[in-house]
Amino acid sequence: EYQKKFSIIRTIIYFALSLAIYAIGYYSTGT
C-alpha cells in the first residue's frame, strides 16, 4: 500500500518535471 502511493506520487512528479523543463525551453526560445 505504501509503495502504491509512493510510486504514483513519484511518477506524477517525474512527468511534471519533464513537462516543466520542456515548457521552459519552449517559452524561452519560442520553438
All heavy atoms as atom14 arrays in JSON, in Angstrom:
{
  "sequence": "EYQKKFSIIRTIIYFALSLAIYAIGYYSTGT",
  "atom14_mask": [
    [1, 1, 1, 1, 1, 1, 1, 1, 1, 0, 0, 0, 0, 0],
    [1, 1, 1, 1, 1, 1, 1, 1, 1, 1, 1, 1, 0, 0],
    [1, 1, 1, 1, 1, 1, 1, 1, 1, 0, 0, 0, 0, 0],
    [1, 1, 1, 1, 1, 1, 1, 1, 1, 0, 0, 0, 0, 0],
    [1, 1, 1, 1, 1, 1, 1, 1, 1, 0, 0, 0, 0, 0],
    [1, 1, 1, 1, 1, 1, 1, 1, 1, 1, 1, 0, 0, 0],
    [1, 1, 1, 1, 1, 1, 0, 0, 0, 0, 0, 0, 0, 0],
    [1, 1, 1, 1, 1, 1, 1, 1, 0, 0, 0, 0, 0, 0],
    [1, 1, 1, 1, 1, 1, 1, 1, 0, 0, 0, 0, 0, 0],
    [1, 1, 1, 1, 1, 1, 1, 1, 1, 1, 1, 0, 0, 0],
    [1, 1, 1, 1, 1, 1, 1, 0, 0, 0, 0, 0, 0, 0],
    [1, 1, 1, 1, 1, 1, 1, 1, 0, 0, 0, 0, 0, 0],
    [1, 1, 1, 1, 1, 1, 1, 1, 0, 0, 0, 0, 0, 0],
    [1, 1, 1, 1, 1, 1, 1, 1, 1, 1, 1, 1, 0, 0],
    [1, 1, 1, 1, 1, 1, 1, 1, 1, 1, 1, 0, 0, 0],
    [1, 1, 1, 1, 1, 0, 0, 0, 0, 0, 0, 0, 0, 0],
    [1, 1, 1, 1, 1, 1, 1, 1, 0, 0, 0, 0, 0, 0],
    [1, 1, 1, 1, 1, 1, 0, 0, 0, 0, 0, 0, 0, 0],
    [1, 1, 1, 1, 1, 1, 1, 1, 0, 0, 0, 0, 0, 0],
    [1, 1, 1, 1, 1, 0, 0, 0, 0, 0, 0, 0, 0, 0],
    [1, 1, 1, 1, 1, 1, 1, 1, 0, 0, 0, 0, 0, 0],
    [1, 1, 1, 1, 1, 1, 1, 1, 1, 1, 1, 1, 0, 0],
    [1, 1, 1, 1, 1, 0, 0, 0, 0, 0, 0, 0, 0, 0],
    [1, 1, 1, 1, 1, 1, 1, 1, 0, 0, 0, 0, 0, 0],
    [1, 1, 1, 1, 0, 0, 0, 0, 0, 0, 0, 0, 0, 0],
    [1, 1, 1, 1, 1, 1, 1, 1, 1, 1, 1, 1, 0, 0],
    [1, 1, 1, 1, 1, 1, 1, 1, 1, 1, 1, 1, 0, 0],
    [1, 1, 1, 1, 1, 1, 0, 0, 0, 0, 0, 0, 0, 0],
    [1, 1, 1, 1, 1, 1, 1, 0, 0, 0, 0, 0, 0, 0],
    [1, 1, 1, 1, 0, 0, 0, 0, 0, 0, 0, 0, 0, 0],
    [1, 1, 1, 1, 1, 1, 1, 0, 0, 0, 0, 0, 0, 0]
  ],
  "atom14_positions": [
    [[0.84, -1.21, 0.0], [0.0, 0.0, 0.0], [0.87, 1.26, 0.0], [0.57, 2.22, -0.7], [-0.95, 0.01, 1.19], [-2.08, -0.99, 1.07], [-2.92, -0.79, -0.18], [-3.3, 0.36, -0.47], [-3.21, -1.79, -0.85], [0.0, 0.0, 0.0], [0.0, 0.0, 0.0], [0.0, 0.0, 0.0], [0.0, 0.0, 0.0], [0.0, 0.0, 0.0]],
    [[1.93, 1.23, 0.79], [2.85, 2.37, 0.82], [3.48, 2.58, -0.55], [3.55, 3.7, -1.06], [3.93, 2.15, 1.88], [5.1, 3.09, 1.74], [5.0, 4.4, 2.19], [6.28, 2.67, 1.14], [6.07, 5.28, 2.04], [7.34, 3.54, 0.99], [7.22, 4.84, 1.44], [8.28, 5.71, 1.28], [0.0, 0.0, 0.0], [0.0, 0.0, 0.0]],
    [[3.95, 1.49, -1.16], [4.61, 1.6, -2.46], [3.65, 2.06, -3.55], [4.06, 2.74, -4.49], [5.26, 0.27, -2.85], [6.55, -0.01, -2.12], [7.62, 1.0, -2.42], [7.7, 1.58, -3.5], [8.48, 1.24, -1.45], [0.0, 0.0, 0.0], [0.0, 0.0, 0.0], [0.0, 0.0, 0.0], [0.0, 0.0, 0.0], [0.0, 0.0, 0.0]],
    [[2.38, 1.68, -3.46], [1.39, 2.17, -4.42], [1.34, 3.69, -4.39], [1.45, 4.35, -5.43], [-0.01, 1.61, -4.1], [-0.22, 0.19, -4.51], [-1.63, -0.25, -4.12], [-1.79, -1.73, -4.38], [-3.13, -2.23, -4.04], [0.0, 0.0, 0.0], [0.0, 0.0, 0.0], [0.0, 0.0, 0.0], [0.0, 0.0, 0.0], [0.0, 0.0, 0.0]],
    [[1.18, 4.24, -3.2], [1.09, 5.69, -3.05], [2.39, 6.37, -3.47], [2.37, 7.36, -4.21], [0.76, 6.05, -1.6], [-0.61, 5.59, -1.16], [-0.8, 5.82, 0.32], [-2.08, 5.17, 0.81], [-2.18, 5.19, 2.26], [0.0, 0.0, 0.0], [0.0, 0.0, 0.0], [0.0, 0.0, 0.0], [0.0, 0.0, 0.0], [0.0, 0.0, 0.0]],
    [[3.5, 5.84, -2.99], [4.8, 6.45, -3.27], [5.11, 6.44, -4.76], [5.55, 7.45, -5.32], [5.89, 5.71, -2.49], [7.27, 6.26, -2.74], [7.67, 7.43, -2.14], [8.15, 5.58, -3.56], [8.93, 7.95, -2.37], [9.42, 6.09, -3.79], [9.81, 7.27, -3.19], [0.0, 0.0, 0.0], [0.0, 0.0, 0.0], [0.0, 0.0, 0.0]],
    [[4.88, 5.32, -5.44], [5.22, 5.24, -6.85], [4.32, 6.1, -7.72], [4.76, 6.66, -8.72], [5.23, 3.79, -7.33], [3.97, 3.2, -7.18], [0.0, 0.0, 0.0], [0.0, 0.0, 0.0], [0.0, 0.0, 0.0], [0.0, 0.0, 0.0], [0.0, 0.0, 0.0], [0.0, 0.0, 0.0], [0.0, 0.0, 0.0], [0.0, 0.0, 0.0]],
    [[3.06, 6.26, -7.34], [2.16, 7.15, -8.08], [2.61, 8.6, -7.93], [2.7, 9.35, -8.92], [0.7, 6.97, -7.61], [0.16, 5.62, -8.08], [-0.18, 8.11, -8.12], [-1.18, 5.25, -7.47], [0.0, 0.0, 0.0], [0.0, 0.0, 0.0], [0.0, 0.0, 0.0], [0.0, 0.0, 0.0], [0.0, 0.0, 0.0], [0.0, 0.0, 0.0]],
    [[2.9, 9.01, -6.71], [3.36, 10.38, -6.47], [4.67, 10.64, -7.2], [4.85, 11.68, -7.85], [3.5, 10.65, -4.95], [2.11, 10.65, -4.31], [4.23, 11.96, -4.68], [2.13, 10.63, -2.79], [0.0, 0.0, 0.0], [0.0, 0.0, 0.0], [0.0, 0.0, 0.0], [0.0, 0.0, 0.0], [0.0, 0.0, 0.0], [0.0, 0.0, 0.0]],
    [[5.61, 9.71, -7.11], [6.9, 9.86, -7.79], [6.72, 9.97, -9.3], [7.36, 10.81, -9.95], [7.8, 8.67, -7.45], [9.18, 8.76, -8.08], [10.0, 7.54, -7.8], [9.32, 6.36, -8.31], [9.44, 5.15, -7.8], [10.2, 4.94, -6.75], [8.79, 4.13, -8.32], [0.0, 0.0, 0.0], [0.0, 0.0, 0.0], [0.0, 0.0, 0.0]],
    [[5.85, 9.15, -9.87], [5.61, 9.19, -11.32], [5.04, 10.54, -11.75], [5.48, 11.11, -12.75], [4.65, 8.04, -11.73], [5.24, 6.8, -11.34], [4.4, 8.04, -13.22], [0.0, 0.0, 0.0], [0.0, 0.0, 0.0], [0.0, 0.0, 0.0], [0.0, 0.0, 0.0], [0.0, 0.0, 0.0], [0.0, 0.0, 0.0], [0.0, 0.0, 0.0]],
    [[4.09, 11.04, -11.0], [3.5, 12.35, -11.33], [4.56, 13.45, -11.26], [4.63, 14.31, -12.15], [2.31, 12.65, -10.38], [1.15, 11.7, -10.68], [1.87, 14.11, -10.49], [0.05, 11.73, -9.64], [0.0, 0.0, 0.0], [0.0, 0.0, 0.0], [0.0, 0.0, 0.0], [0.0, 0.0, 0.0], [0.0, 0.0, 0.0], [0.0, 0.0, 0.0]],
    [[5.39, 13.41, -10.24], [6.44, 14.43, -10.1], [7.44, 14.34, -11.26], [7.83, 15.36, -11.84], [7.16, 14.29, -8.74], [6.21, 14.72, -7.62], [8.44, 15.11, -8.71], [6.71, 14.42, -6.22], [0.0, 0.0, 0.0], [0.0, 0.0, 0.0], [0.0, 0.0, 0.0], [0.0, 0.0, 0.0], [0.0, 0.0, 0.0], [0.0, 0.0, 0.0]],
    [[7.85, 13.13, -11.61], [8.8, 12.96, -12.72], [8.24, 13.5, -14.04], [8.93, 14.2, -14.77], [9.18, 11.49, -12.89], [10.16, 10.95, -11.88], [10.7, 11.73, -10.87], [10.55, 9.62, -11.93], [11.58, 11.22, -9.95], [11.45, 9.1, -11.03], [11.96, 9.9, -10.03], [12.85, 9.38, -9.13], [0.0, 0.0, 0.0], [0.0, 0.0, 0.0]],
    [[6.99, 13.15, -14.35], [6.4, 13.64, -15.6], [6.19, 15.16, -15.55], [6.39, 15.84, -16.55], [5.08, 12.93, -15.91], [5.26, 11.61, -16.61], [4.88, 10.43, -16.0], [5.81, 11.56, -17.88], [5.05, 9.21, -16.65], [5.98, 10.34, -18.54], [5.61, 9.17, -17.92], [0.0, 0.0, 0.0], [0.0, 0.0, 0.0], [0.0, 0.0, 0.0]],
    [[5.79, 15.69, -14.4], [5.61, 17.14, -14.27], [6.93, 17.87, -14.45], [6.98, 18.93, -15.08], [5.0, 17.47, -12.91], [0.0, 0.0, 0.0], [0.0, 0.0, 0.0], [0.0, 0.0, 0.0], [0.0, 0.0, 0.0], [0.0, 0.0, 0.0], [0.0, 0.0, 0.0], [0.0, 0.0, 0.0], [0.0, 0.0, 0.0], [0.0, 0.0, 0.0]],
    [[8.0, 17.3, -13.93], [9.32, 17.9, -14.08], [9.75, 17.93, -15.55], [10.23, 18.95, -16.04], [10.34, 17.14, -13.23], [11.72, 17.74, -13.07], [11.62, 19.11, -12.41], [12.59, 16.82, -12.24], [0.0, 0.0, 0.0], [0.0, 0.0, 0.0], [0.0, 0.0, 0.0], [0.0, 0.0, 0.0], [0.0, 0.0, 0.0], [0.0, 0.0, 0.0]],
    [[9.54, 16.83, -16.26], [9.87, 16.78, -17.68], [9.03, 17.79, -18.47], [9.55, 18.48, -19.36], [9.65, 15.38, -18.25], [10.61, 14.49, -17.75], [0.0, 0.0, 0.0], [0.0, 0.0, 0.0], [0.0, 0.0, 0.0], [0.0, 0.0, 0.0], [0.0, 0.0, 0.0], [0.0, 0.0, 0.0], [0.0, 0.0, 0.0], [0.0, 0.0, 0.0]],
    [[7.77, 17.87, -18.14], [6.89, 18.82, -18.83], [7.31, 20.26, -18.53], [7.31, 21.11, -19.43], [5.44, 18.58, -18.4], [4.38, 19.43, -19.09], [4.38, 19.15, -20.61], [3.02, 19.14, -18.51], [0.0, 0.0, 0.0], [0.0, 0.0, 0.0], [0.0, 0.0, 0.0], [0.0, 0.0, 0.0], [0.0, 0.0, 0.0], [0.0, 0.0, 0.0]],
    [[7.68, 20.53, -17.29], [8.13, 21.88, -16.92], [9.41, 22.26, -17.66], [9.55, 23.39, -18.14], [8.33, 21.97, -15.4], [0.0, 0.0, 0.0], [0.0, 0.0, 0.0], [0.0, 0.0, 0.0], [0.0, 0.0, 0.0], [0.0, 0.0, 0.0], [0.0, 0.0, 0.0], [0.0, 0.0, 0.0], [0.0, 0.0, 0.0], [0.0, 0.0, 0.0]],
    [[10.35, 21.33, -17.77], [11.59, 21.6, -18.49], [11.29, 21.89, -19.96], [11.84, 22.83, -20.56], [12.58, 20.43, -18.33], [13.09, 20.37, -16.9], [13.75, 20.56, -19.31], [13.88, 19.14, -16.57], [0.0, 0.0, 0.0], [0.0, 0.0, 0.0], [0.0, 0.0, 0.0], [0.0, 0.0, 0.0], [0.0, 0.0, 0.0], [0.0, 0.0, 0.0]],
    [[10.4, 21.11, -20.54], [10.02, 21.35, -21.94], [9.37, 22.72, -22.09], [9.68, 23.48, -23.01], [9.07, 20.26, -22.44], [8.54, 20.53, -23.81], [9.32, 20.32, -24.93], [7.25, 21.04, -23.98], [8.84, 20.6, -26.21], [6.76, 21.33, -25.24], [7.56, 21.1, -26.36], [7.08, 21.4, -27.6], [0.0, 0.0, 0.0], [0.0, 0.0, 0.0]],
    [[8.44, 23.06, -21.18], [7.73, 24.33, -21.26], [8.69, 25.52, -21.1], [8.56, 26.53, -21.81], [6.64, 24.39, -20.19], [0.0, 0.0, 0.0], [0.0, 0.0, 0.0], [0.0, 0.0, 0.0], [0.0, 0.0, 0.0], [0.0, 0.0, 0.0], [0.0, 0.0, 0.0], [0.0, 0.0, 0.0], [0.0, 0.0, 0.0], [0.0, 0.0, 0.0]],
    [[9.65, 25.4, -20.21], [10.64, 26.47, -20.02], [11.45, 26.67, -21.31], [11.67, 27.81, -21.75], [11.57, 26.17, -18.82], [10.78, 26.29, -17.52], [12.79, 27.09, -18.81], [11.52, 25.77, -16.3], [0.0, 0.0, 0.0], [0.0, 0.0, 0.0], [0.0, 0.0, 0.0], [0.0, 0.0, 0.0], [0.0, 0.0, 0.0], [0.0, 0.0, 0.0]],
    [[11.87, 25.58, -21.91], [12.63, 25.67, -23.16], [11.8, 26.27, -24.28], [12.29, 27.12, -25.05], [0.0, 0.0, 0.0], [0.0, 0.0, 0.0], [0.0, 0.0, 0.0], [0.0, 0.0, 0.0], [0.0, 0.0, 0.0], [0.0, 0.0, 0.0], [0.0, 0.0, 0.0], [0.0, 0.0, 0.0], [0.0, 0.0, 0.0], [0.0, 0.0, 0.0]],
    [[10.56, 25.86, -24.39], [9.69, 26.38, -25.45], [9.38, 27.86, -25.22], [9.4, 28.66, -26.15], [8.39, 25.57, -25.5], [7.52, 25.93, -26.67], [7.79, 25.41, -27.93], [6.45, 26.8, -26.53], [7.0, 25.74, -29.02], [5.66, 27.14, -27.6], [5.94, 26.6, -28.85], [5.16, 26.94, -29.94], [0.0, 0.0, 0.0], [0.0, 0.0, 0.0]],
    [[9.13, 28.22, -23.96], [8.81, 29.61, -23.63], [10.02, 30.52, -23.87], [9.86, 31.63, -24.37], [8.35, 29.7, -22.17], [8.05, 31.1, -21.71], [6.91, 31.75, -22.13], [8.93, 31.77, -20.86], [6.63, 33.04, -21.71], [8.66, 33.06, -20.44], [7.52, 33.69, -20.87], [7.26, 34.97, -20.47], [0.0, 0.0, 0.0], [0.0, 0.0, 0.0]],
    [[11.21, 30.05, -23.52], [12.4, 30.92, -23.64], [12.89, 31.06, -25.08], [13.45, 32.1, -25.44], [13.52, 30.41, -22.75], [13.96, 29.15, -23.17], [0.0, 0.0, 0.0], [0.0, 0.0, 0.0], [0.0, 0.0, 0.0], [0.0, 0.0, 0.0], [0.0, 0.0, 0.0], [0.0, 0.0, 0.0], [0.0, 0.0, 0.0], [0.0, 0.0, 0.0]],
    [[12.69, 30.05, -25.94], [13.18, 30.13, -27.32], [12.09, 30.3, -28.35], [12.37, 30.67, -29.48], [13.99, 28.86, -27.68], [13.14, 27.73, -27.63], [15.19, 28.7, -26.77], [0.0, 0.0, 0.0], [0.0, 0.0, 0.0], [0.0, 0.0, 0.0], [0.0, 0.0, 0.0], [0.0, 0.0, 0.0], [0.0, 0.0, 0.0], [0.0, 0.0, 0.0]],
    [[10.86, 30.0, -27.99], [9.75, 30.12, -28.93], [9.63, 28.95, -29.89], [8.79, 28.95, -30.78], [0.0, 0.0, 0.0], [0.0, 0.0, 0.0], [0.0, 0.0, 0.0], [0.0, 0.0, 0.0], [0.0, 0.0, 0.0], [0.0, 0.0, 0.0], [0.0, 0.0, 0.0], [0.0, 0.0, 0.0], [0.0, 0.0, 0.0], [0.0, 0.0, 0.0]],
    [[10.43, 27.92, -29.7], [10.39, 26.74, -30.55], [10.76, 25.5, -29.73], [11.37, 25.6, -28.66], [11.36, 26.88, -31.75], [11.28, 25.7, -32.56], [12.78, 27.11, -31.31], [0.0, 0.0, 0.0], [0.0, 0.0, 0.0], [0.0, 0.0, 0.0], [0.0, 0.0, 0.0], [0.0, 0.0, 0.0], [0.0, 0.0, 0.0], [0.0, 0.0, 0.0]]
  ]
}
